[in-house]
Amino acid sequence: MSTSNDRTLFRNLNYRSDIEYVVKVAKTLLTPVGIWPLYRGNSTSDRIKTFLQTSVIFSLMCFLLVPHVIYTFFDAEDLTKYMKVIAAQVFSLLAIIKFWTIIINREGIRYCLQQMEIQYRDVECEEDRLVMMKNAKIGRLFTVIFVGLSYGGALPYHIIMPLLADRIVKEDNTTQIPLPYLSDYIFFVVENSPFYEILFVSQILISSIILSTNCGVYSLIANCVMHSCCLFEVVRRQIGMVLNDGTNHLHERLGRVIENHMRAIRFAEMIEKSLNVVFLCEMVGCTVIICFLEFGVIKEWEDGEILGMSTYFVLMTSMFVNVYIITFIGDRLKKESEKVGESSYYIEWYALPTKIVSDLILMMTRSSRPSTLTAAKIFDLSLQGFCEVCKTSAAYFNFIRALTV
């Protein structure tokens, strides 16, 4: 077991590879769209490059979403067909909101990522590092599951389903494959070749950008929140060991524990401040998306379209998993911060000097107000919120079914 001297002399020589493991997926997905907040240059050329990159990506997102919305609202004659595609519109809108939220809160998110790197570099002992890596692996697992389900449902939706759909009959009696996103481009006609084929491929590429943005932001959330959880877990472990070396330098050791506790609280508060709008979008947006995907599953099943039903089902599952994991990590953060106070109580505080007991009481009092994640300060993220999403989406689904019967 490590002593206090061992902890003072410990150096994490692998901290760069550790932090790279934590952020690799989010960095890979968000760098191409220009919103990865870390390691951004401050020169004029870097700012211009970032501005141009984000402007192009945002324009491409709007180029896909706006004509699709125009078509479904003004040109779509089949209400059932409209109900089946609105989930894609909401998903694209969520990506745009997340895109700008990350840009607006870039400094706060960059601070969190920089603090993560510092905390991996300055970790006090190997046991604390193992706790941090354990939570990092959980965050990576959550990311892989969501990315796999998202791409597993999105690729058939954008590629296979249009190829198998009924052909569009043109005025000259020729047919063509429907676009992945049926759109009304007001200022130009898209039916003629090769512009139609170029637009078909472009829609798939742009939808991949939107999907990568959603998955990248999700990975960033999962990793940051799980790291916040591990900071509280490290504090609990340190509290349990604070008396292992007797009463020598006890005040100094306890002061270091309190400092780590306050660092964990500040880190959680910065995450909540920077991303609470994203949390609200996830909860509200996923509720709407799930109810329309449920409608798509039922309609495809009634029409005997096995591939379509499977595609909608995988997408619906990915949304359920998304909401569950977001609420799960929010619930876990709250519980981990509460357990700090419990751990303070369970040590032999009654045998300690009065000054030390006063410090412990302050820690217990602060832990009674746990760190939480909120959806734009409206409600806390918890597993109860996941149940509310399930119930609300089912209620909306029943309403939609009644409209289309």
Protein backbone atom coordinates (compact mmCIF):
# COMPACT_ATOMS: atom_id res chain seq x y z
CA MET A 1 0.00 0.00 0.00
CA SER A 2 1.28 3.44 -0.91
CA THR A 3 2.48 5.77 1.84
CA SER A 4 2.29 9.53 1.77
CA ASN A 5 5.96 9.75 0.69
CA ASP A 6 5.26 7.32 -2.14
CA ARG A 7 2.40 9.50 -3.30
CA THR A 8 4.61 12.58 -3.20
CA LEU A 9 7.23 10.89 -5.37
CA PHE A 10 4.77 9.24 -7.78
CA ARG A 11 4.82 10.46 -11.37
CA ASN A 12 2.42 9.26 -14.03
CA LEU A 13 4.76 8.85 -16.98
CA ASN A 14 1.90 7.57 -19.14
CA TYR A 15 -0.41 10.54 -18.67
CA ARG A 16 -0.29 11.56 -22.34
CA SER A 17 -1.38 8.13 -23.50
CA ASP A 18 -3.99 8.04 -20.73
CA ILE A 19 -5.62 11.32 -21.78
CA GLU A 20 -5.37 10.34 -25.44
CA TYR A 21 -7.29 7.16 -24.62
CA VAL A 22 -9.99 9.20 -22.89
CA VAL A 23 -10.58 11.77 -25.63
CA LYS A 24 -9.60 9.86 -28.79
CA VAL A 25 -13.11 9.10 -30.08
CA ALA A 26 -14.47 12.59 -29.43
CA LYS A 27 -11.35 14.19 -30.89
CA THR A 28 -11.55 12.02 -34.02
CA LEU A 29 -15.21 12.90 -34.63
CA LEU A 30 -15.18 16.60 -33.72
CA THR A 31 -11.89 17.72 -35.28
CA PRO A 32 -13.09 17.35 -38.91
CA VAL A 33 -16.16 19.53 -38.22
CA GLY A 34 -14.02 22.21 -36.56
CA ILE A 35 -15.45 22.18 -33.04
CA TRP A 36 -12.82 20.21 -31.11
CA PRO A 37 -12.08 22.77 -28.37
CA LEU A 38 -8.60 21.61 -27.33
CA TYR A 39 -5.26 22.66 -28.83
CA ARG A 40 -6.73 25.47 -30.89
CA GLY A 41 -4.21 28.02 -32.13
CA ASN A 42 -4.63 31.69 -31.24
CA SER A 43 -3.01 33.16 -34.34
CA THR A 44 -5.03 35.11 -36.90
CA SER A 45 -4.61 32.40 -39.52
CA ASP A 46 -5.84 29.72 -37.09
CA ARG A 47 -8.91 31.80 -36.21
CA ILE A 48 -9.69 32.38 -39.88
CA LYS A 49 -9.26 28.68 -40.63
CA THR A 50 -11.58 27.73 -37.76
CA PHE A 51 -14.16 30.32 -38.83
CA LEU A 52 -14.17 29.08 -42.43
CA GLN A 53 -14.34 25.45 -41.37
CA THR A 54 -17.28 25.92 -39.02
CA SER A 55 -19.06 28.18 -41.53
CA VAL A 56 -18.79 25.54 -44.26
CA ILE A 57 -20.00 22.75 -41.96
CA PHE A 58 -22.93 24.82 -40.71
CA SER A 59 -23.88 25.76 -44.28
CA LEU A 60 -23.83 22.09 -45.31
CA MET A 61 -26.07 21.17 -42.37
CA CYS A 62 -28.57 23.86 -43.36
CA PHE A 63 -28.31 22.80 -47.03
CA LEU A 64 -29.55 19.36 -45.97
CA LEU A 65 -32.12 20.33 -43.33
CA VAL A 66 -33.90 23.38 -44.76
CA PRO A 67 -34.99 21.90 -48.15
CA HIS A 68 -36.04 18.71 -46.38
CA VAL A 69 -38.28 20.68 -44.01
CA ILE A 70 -39.70 22.70 -46.92
CA TYR A 71 -40.61 19.51 -48.78
CA THR A 72 -42.28 17.79 -45.84
CA PHE A 73 -44.32 20.84 -44.86
CA PHE A 74 -45.39 22.07 -48.28
CA ASP A 75 -45.02 19.22 -50.79
CA ALA A 76 -45.58 15.96 -48.90
CA GLU A 77 -49.11 14.70 -49.53
CA ASP A 78 -48.94 11.54 -47.42
CA LEU A 79 -49.24 12.29 -43.68
CA THR A 80 -47.90 8.84 -42.79
CA LYS A 81 -44.78 9.42 -44.87
CA TYR A 82 -44.27 12.79 -43.22
CA MET A 83 -44.50 11.22 -39.76
CA LYS A 84 -41.79 8.71 -40.69
CA VAL A 85 -39.22 11.30 -41.76
CA ILE A 86 -39.68 13.99 -39.12
CA ALA A 87 -37.36 12.10 -36.74
CA ALA A 88 -34.47 12.72 -39.16
CA GLN A 89 -35.27 16.44 -39.17
CA VAL A 90 -35.27 16.64 -35.38
CA PHE A 91 -31.99 14.69 -35.26
CA SER A 92 -30.38 17.14 -37.71
CA LEU A 93 -31.72 20.12 -35.75
CA LEU A 94 -30.25 18.69 -32.55
CA ALA A 95 -26.87 18.37 -34.27
CA ILE A 96 -26.97 22.05 -35.24
CA ILE A 97 -27.87 23.09 -31.69
CA LYS A 98 -25.05 20.96 -30.25
CA PHE A 99 -22.68 22.31 -32.89
CA TRP A 100 -23.27 25.91 -31.80
CA THR A 101 -23.39 25.05 -28.10
CA ILE A 102 -19.89 23.60 -28.30
CA ILE A 103 -18.67 26.69 -30.20
CA ILE A 104 -20.27 29.15 -27.76
CA ASN A 105 -18.99 27.26 -24.68
CA ARG A 106 -15.63 26.38 -26.23
CA GLU A 107 -13.59 27.99 -23.43
CA GLY A 108 -15.42 26.17 -20.64
CA ILE A 109 -15.11 22.80 -22.37
CA ARG A 110 -11.46 23.46 -23.16
CA TYR A 111 -10.89 24.22 -19.46
CA CYS A 112 -12.43 20.85 -18.54
CA LEU A 113 -10.25 18.98 -21.03
CA GLN A 114 -7.13 20.78 -19.86
CA GLN A 115 -7.98 19.98 -16.24
CA MET A 116 -8.41 16.32 -17.18
CA GLU A 117 -4.89 16.28 -18.63
CA ILE A 118 -3.47 18.00 -15.55
CA GLN A 119 -5.24 15.58 -13.21
CA TYR A 120 -3.89 12.56 -15.09
CA ARG A 121 -0.41 14.11 -14.99
CA ASP A 122 -0.52 15.00 -11.27
CA VAL A 123 -2.37 11.92 -9.98
CA GLU A 124 -0.97 11.09 -6.54
CA CYS A 125 -0.58 7.31 -6.74
CA GLU A 126 -1.09 4.35 -9.02
CA GLU A 127 -4.27 3.33 -7.20
CA ASP A 128 -5.87 6.71 -8.00
CA ARG A 129 -4.75 6.38 -11.63
CA LEU A 130 -6.40 2.95 -11.85
CA VAL A 131 -9.66 4.42 -10.53
CA MET A 132 -9.50 7.11 -13.22
CA MET A 133 -8.72 4.62 -15.99
CA LYS A 134 -11.56 2.36 -14.86
CA ASN A 135 -14.05 5.20 -15.30
CA ALA A 136 -12.42 6.17 -18.60
CA LYS A 137 -13.01 2.64 -19.89
CA ILE A 138 -16.67 2.86 -18.87
CA GLY A 139 -16.99 6.16 -20.76
CA ARG A 140 -15.33 4.59 -23.81
CA LEU A 141 -17.70 1.59 -23.59
CA PHE A 142 -20.74 3.89 -23.51
CA THR A 143 -19.38 5.74 -26.54
CA VAL A 144 -18.70 2.59 -28.57
CA ILE A 145 -22.18 1.22 -27.88
CA PHE A 146 -23.91 4.44 -28.94
CA VAL A 147 -21.71 5.00 -32.02
CA GLY A 148 -22.23 1.40 -33.12
CA LEU A 149 -25.99 1.60 -32.79
CA SER A 150 -26.16 5.04 -34.44
CA TYR A 151 -24.13 4.11 -37.49
CA GLY A 152 -25.76 0.67 -37.61
CA GLY A 153 -29.16 2.30 -38.02
CA ALA A 154 -28.17 5.42 -39.97
CA LEU A 155 -26.30 3.73 -42.82
CA PRO A 156 -29.25 1.51 -43.86
CA TYR A 157 -31.59 4.51 -43.47
CA HIS A 158 -29.50 6.72 -45.77
CA ILE A 159 -28.24 4.15 -48.29
CA ILE A 160 -30.12 0.85 -48.37
CA MET A 161 -33.69 2.07 -47.80
CA PRO A 162 -33.61 4.61 -50.70
CA LEU A 163 -32.27 1.89 -53.01
CA LEU A 164 -35.15 -0.43 -52.09
CA ALA A 165 -37.87 2.26 -52.06
CA ASP A 166 -40.39 2.77 -54.86
CA ARG A 167 -38.90 4.61 -57.81
CA ILE A 168 -39.94 8.18 -58.61
CA VAL A 169 -41.60 8.51 -62.03
CA LYS A 170 -40.45 11.62 -63.89
CA GLU A 171 -42.42 13.57 -66.51
CA ASP A 172 -40.65 11.76 -69.36
CA ASN A 173 -41.74 8.38 -67.85
CA THR A 174 -38.23 7.52 -66.68
CA THR A 175 -37.63 6.52 -63.09
CA GLN A 176 -35.01 7.38 -60.52
CA ILE A 177 -34.04 6.40 -56.97
CA PRO A 178 -35.53 8.73 -54.31
CA LEU A 179 -33.11 10.91 -52.41
CA PRO A 180 -32.23 9.87 -48.83
CA TYR A 181 -33.82 13.20 -47.79
CA LEU A 182 -36.71 14.17 -50.06
CA SER A 183 -36.12 17.88 -50.55
CA ASP A 184 -37.52 20.92 -52.30
CA TYR A 185 -34.69 23.12 -53.57
CA ILE A 186 -36.74 26.19 -54.44
CA PHE A 187 -34.24 27.90 -56.72
CA PHE A 188 -33.17 24.97 -58.89
CA VAL A 189 -34.40 21.60 -60.18
CA VAL A 190 -32.62 18.45 -59.06
CA GLU A 191 -34.12 15.74 -61.26
CA ASN A 192 -31.61 15.94 -64.10
CA SER A 193 -28.44 13.84 -64.27
CA PRO A 194 -25.62 14.15 -63.16
CA PHE A 195 -26.73 16.80 -60.66
CA TYR A 196 -29.19 14.36 -59.11
CA GLU A 197 -26.48 11.72 -58.50
CA ILE A 198 -24.14 14.34 -57.04
CA LEU A 199 -26.89 15.51 -54.69
CA PHE A 200 -27.65 11.92 -53.68
CA VAL A 201 -24.05 11.34 -52.61
CA SER A 202 -23.83 14.80 -51.04
CA GLN A 203 -26.84 14.12 -48.81
CA ILE A 204 -25.23 10.91 -47.56
CA LEU A 205 -21.96 12.73 -46.82
CA ILE A 206 -23.69 15.63 -45.05
CA SER A 207 -25.83 13.27 -43.00
CA SER A 208 -22.59 11.49 -42.00
CA ILE A 209 -21.22 14.85 -40.81
CA ILE A 210 -24.38 15.40 -38.75
CA LEU A 211 -24.13 11.89 -37.32
CA SER A 212 -20.45 12.39 -36.45
CA THR A 213 -21.28 15.68 -34.71
CA ASN A 214 -23.96 14.03 -32.58
CA CYS A 215 -21.74 11.06 -31.73
CA GLY A 216 -18.71 13.26 -31.04
CA VAL A 217 -20.58 15.52 -28.63
CA TYR A 218 -22.06 12.44 -26.96
CA SER A 219 -18.57 10.93 -26.54
CA LEU A 220 -17.33 14.21 -25.06
CA ILE A 221 -20.20 14.23 -22.56
CA ALA A 222 -19.73 10.59 -21.54
CA ASN A 223 -15.98 10.95 -20.99
CA CYS A 224 -16.14 14.28 -19.13
CA VAL A 225 -18.94 13.18 -16.80
CA MET A 226 -17.33 9.81 -16.07
CA HIS A 227 -14.09 11.63 -15.27
CA SER A 228 -16.02 13.86 -12.89
CA CYS A 229 -17.41 10.73 -11.21
CA CYS A 230 -13.92 9.30 -10.84
CA LEU A 231 -12.69 12.48 -9.12
CA PHE A 232 -15.27 11.99 -6.37
CA GLU A 233 -14.40 8.29 -6.22
CA VAL A 234 -10.72 9.17 -5.76
CA VAL A 235 -11.65 11.53 -2.92
CA ARG A 236 -13.63 8.74 -1.23
CA ARG A 237 -10.65 6.39 -1.53
CA GLN A 238 -8.32 9.02 -0.08
CA ILE A 239 -10.68 9.67 2.84
CA GLY A 240 -10.69 5.96 3.66
CA MET A 241 -6.87 5.97 3.76
CA VAL A 242 -6.32 9.27 5.56
CA LEU A 243 -5.70 7.52 8.92
CA ASN A 244 -3.48 4.74 7.56
CA ASP A 245 -0.29 6.62 8.44
CA GLY A 246 -1.48 7.54 11.93
CA THR A 247 -1.89 11.11 13.08
CA ASN A 248 1.44 12.34 11.69
CA HIS A 249 0.85 15.24 9.27
CA LEU A 250 -2.87 14.43 9.46
CA HIS A 251 -3.95 18.03 8.97
CA GLU A 252 -1.79 18.27 5.85
CA ARG A 253 -3.14 15.03 4.39
CA LEU A 254 -6.74 15.97 5.12
CA GLY A 255 -6.17 19.39 3.57
CA ARG A 256 -5.05 17.70 0.38
CA VAL A 257 -8.20 15.57 0.38
CA ILE A 258 -10.41 18.65 0.85
CA GLU A 259 -8.56 20.39 -1.98
CA ASN A 260 -9.21 17.40 -4.26
CA HIS A 261 -12.87 17.43 -3.22
CA MET A 262 -13.24 21.09 -4.15
CA ARG A 263 -11.48 20.43 -7.46
CA ALA A 264 -14.00 17.66 -8.21
CA ILE A 265 -16.91 19.99 -7.39
CA ARG A 266 -15.58 22.78 -9.61
CA PHE A 267 -15.01 20.34 -12.48
CA ALA A 268 -18.60 19.04 -12.23
CA GLU A 269 -19.97 22.59 -12.09
CA MET A 270 -18.04 23.58 -15.22
CA ILE A 271 -19.38 20.57 -17.14
CA GLU A 272 -22.93 21.38 -16.08
CA LYS A 273 -22.54 25.06 -16.97
CA SER A 274 -21.05 24.35 -20.40
CA LEU A 275 -23.34 21.52 -21.49
CA ASN A 276 -26.71 21.94 -19.75
CA VAL A 277 -28.30 23.16 -23.02
CA VAL A 278 -27.07 19.99 -24.72
CA PHE A 279 -28.59 17.90 -21.92
CA LEU A 280 -31.95 19.62 -22.45
CA CYS A 281 -31.74 18.97 -26.20
CA GLU A 282 -30.94 15.32 -25.58
CA MET A 283 -33.86 14.78 -23.23
CA VAL A 284 -36.50 16.72 -25.18
CA GLY A 285 -35.22 15.91 -28.67
CA CYS A 286 -34.78 12.20 -28.03
CA THR A 287 -38.32 12.03 -26.61
CA VAL A 288 -39.70 13.43 -29.88
CA ILE A 289 -37.41 11.27 -32.03
CA ILE A 290 -38.30 8.08 -30.16
CA CYS A 291 -42.05 8.56 -30.59
CA PHE A 292 -41.69 9.04 -34.37
CA LEU A 293 -39.31 6.08 -34.65
CA GLU A 294 -41.86 3.97 -32.78
CA PHE A 295 -44.39 5.07 -35.37
CA GLY A 296 -41.96 4.08 -38.14
CA VAL A 297 -41.44 0.62 -36.62
CA ILE A 298 -45.19 -0.03 -36.44
CA LYS A 299 -45.91 1.22 -39.99
CA GLU A 300 -43.06 -0.78 -41.54
CA TRP A 301 -44.22 -3.88 -39.66
CA GLU A 302 -47.78 -3.38 -40.87
CA ASP A 303 -46.51 -2.98 -44.45
CA GLY A 304 -44.34 -6.10 -44.17
CA GLU A 305 -41.08 -4.17 -44.73
CA ILE A 306 -38.62 -6.16 -42.61
CA LEU A 307 -35.54 -4.09 -43.52
CA GLY A 308 -37.32 -0.80 -42.84
CA MET A 309 -38.70 -2.08 -39.55
CA SER A 310 -35.24 -3.31 -38.49
CA THR A 311 -33.66 0.02 -39.42
CA TYR A 312 -36.20 2.06 -37.44
CA PHE A 313 -35.88 -0.37 -34.53
CA VAL A 314 -32.08 -0.02 -34.38
CA LEU A 315 -32.37 3.78 -34.54
CA MET A 316 -35.01 3.73 -31.81
CA THR A 317 -32.80 1.49 -29.67
CA SER A 318 -29.86 3.87 -30.12
CA MET A 319 -32.03 6.78 -28.90
CA PHE A 320 -33.17 4.79 -25.86
CA VAL A 321 -29.56 3.87 -25.11
CA ASN A 322 -28.55 7.51 -25.55
CA VAL A 323 -31.12 8.77 -23.05
CA TYR A 324 -30.44 5.92 -20.61
CA ILE A 325 -26.68 6.50 -20.54
CA ILE A 326 -27.05 10.28 -20.19
CA THR A 327 -29.44 9.85 -17.26
CA PHE A 328 -27.33 7.02 -15.79
CA ILE A 329 -24.13 9.06 -15.69
CA GLY A 330 -26.05 12.03 -14.30
CA ASP A 331 -27.45 9.79 -11.57
CA ARG A 332 -24.03 8.29 -10.89
CA LEU A 333 -22.40 11.72 -10.57
CA LYS A 334 -24.97 12.71 -7.97
CA LYS A 335 -24.48 9.50 -5.97
CA GLU A 336 -20.68 9.65 -6.11
CA SER A 337 -20.69 13.21 -4.77
CA GLU A 338 -23.10 12.21 -1.99
CA LYS A 339 -20.91 9.25 -0.98
CA VAL A 340 -18.05 11.61 -0.10
CA GLY A 341 -20.04 12.72 2.96
CA GLU A 342 -20.80 9.11 3.90
CA SER A 343 -17.12 8.16 3.64
CA SER A 344 -16.22 11.10 5.90
CA TYR A 345 -18.65 9.83 8.51
CA TYR A 346 -17.45 6.22 8.48
CA ILE A 347 -13.82 6.94 9.40
CA GLU A 348 -12.90 7.10 13.10
CA TRP A 349 -13.60 10.81 13.31
CA TYR A 350 -14.51 10.61 17.02
CA ALA A 351 -10.86 9.86 17.85
CA LEU A 352 -9.49 12.84 15.96
CA PRO A 353 -8.57 16.32 17.22
CA THR A 354 -11.37 18.88 17.29
CA LYS A 355 -9.87 20.94 14.46
CA ILE A 356 -9.79 17.89 12.17
CA VAL A 357 -13.37 16.99 13.08
CA SER A 358 -14.48 20.50 12.13
CA ASP A 359 -12.91 20.09 8.70
CA LEU A 360 -14.71 16.77 8.25
CA ILE A 361 -18.03 18.31 9.24
CA LEU A 362 -17.57 20.98 6.59
CA MET A 363 -16.93 18.27 4.01
CA MET A 364 -20.04 16.35 5.12
CA THR A 365 -22.12 19.53 4.95
CA ARG A 366 -20.90 20.33 1.45
CA SER A 367 -21.61 16.75 0.31
CA SER A 368 -25.21 17.08 1.46
CA ARG A 369 -25.69 19.34 -1.59
CA PRO A 370 -24.49 16.93 -4.29
CA SER A 371 -23.20 17.87 -7.73
CA THR A 372 -25.80 17.25 -10.43
CA LEU A 373 -26.29 17.64 -14.15
CA THR A 374 -29.34 19.62 -15.20
CA ALA A 375 -31.26 20.10 -18.42
CA ALA A 376 -30.82 23.88 -18.77
CA LYS A 377 -31.49 24.27 -15.02
CA ILE A 378 -35.03 22.94 -15.53
CA PHE A 379 -34.67 19.45 -14.05
CA ASP A 380 -31.90 17.09 -12.93
CA LEU A 381 -30.70 14.20 -15.06
CA SER A 382 -31.53 10.96 -13.27
CA LEU A 383 -32.86 7.50 -14.02
CA GLN A 384 -36.30 8.82 -13.11
CA GLY A 385 -35.90 11.16 -16.09
CA PHE A 386 -35.32 8.15 -18.34
CA CYS A 387 -38.64 6.67 -17.17
CA GLU A 388 -40.33 10.00 -17.92
CA VAL A 389 -38.90 9.98 -21.45
CA CYS A 390 -40.26 6.45 -22.03
CA LYS A 391 -43.72 7.39 -20.79
CA THR A 392 -43.86 10.68 -22.65
CA SER A 393 -42.71 9.18 -25.96
CA ALA A 394 -45.35 6.45 -25.62
CA ALA A 395 -48.05 9.08 -25.02
CA TYR A 396 -46.94 11.08 -28.08
CA PHE A 397 -46.88 7.87 -30.13
CA ASN A 398 -50.47 7.09 -29.23
CA PHE A 399 -51.47 10.62 -30.25
CA ILE A 400 -49.72 10.27 -33.63
CA ARG A 401 -51.36 6.90 -34.22
CA ALA A 402 -54.75 8.45 -33.56
CA LEU A 403 -54.04 11.17 -36.15
CA THR A 404 -53.08 8.71 -38.90
CA VAL A 405 -55.77 6.09 -38.40
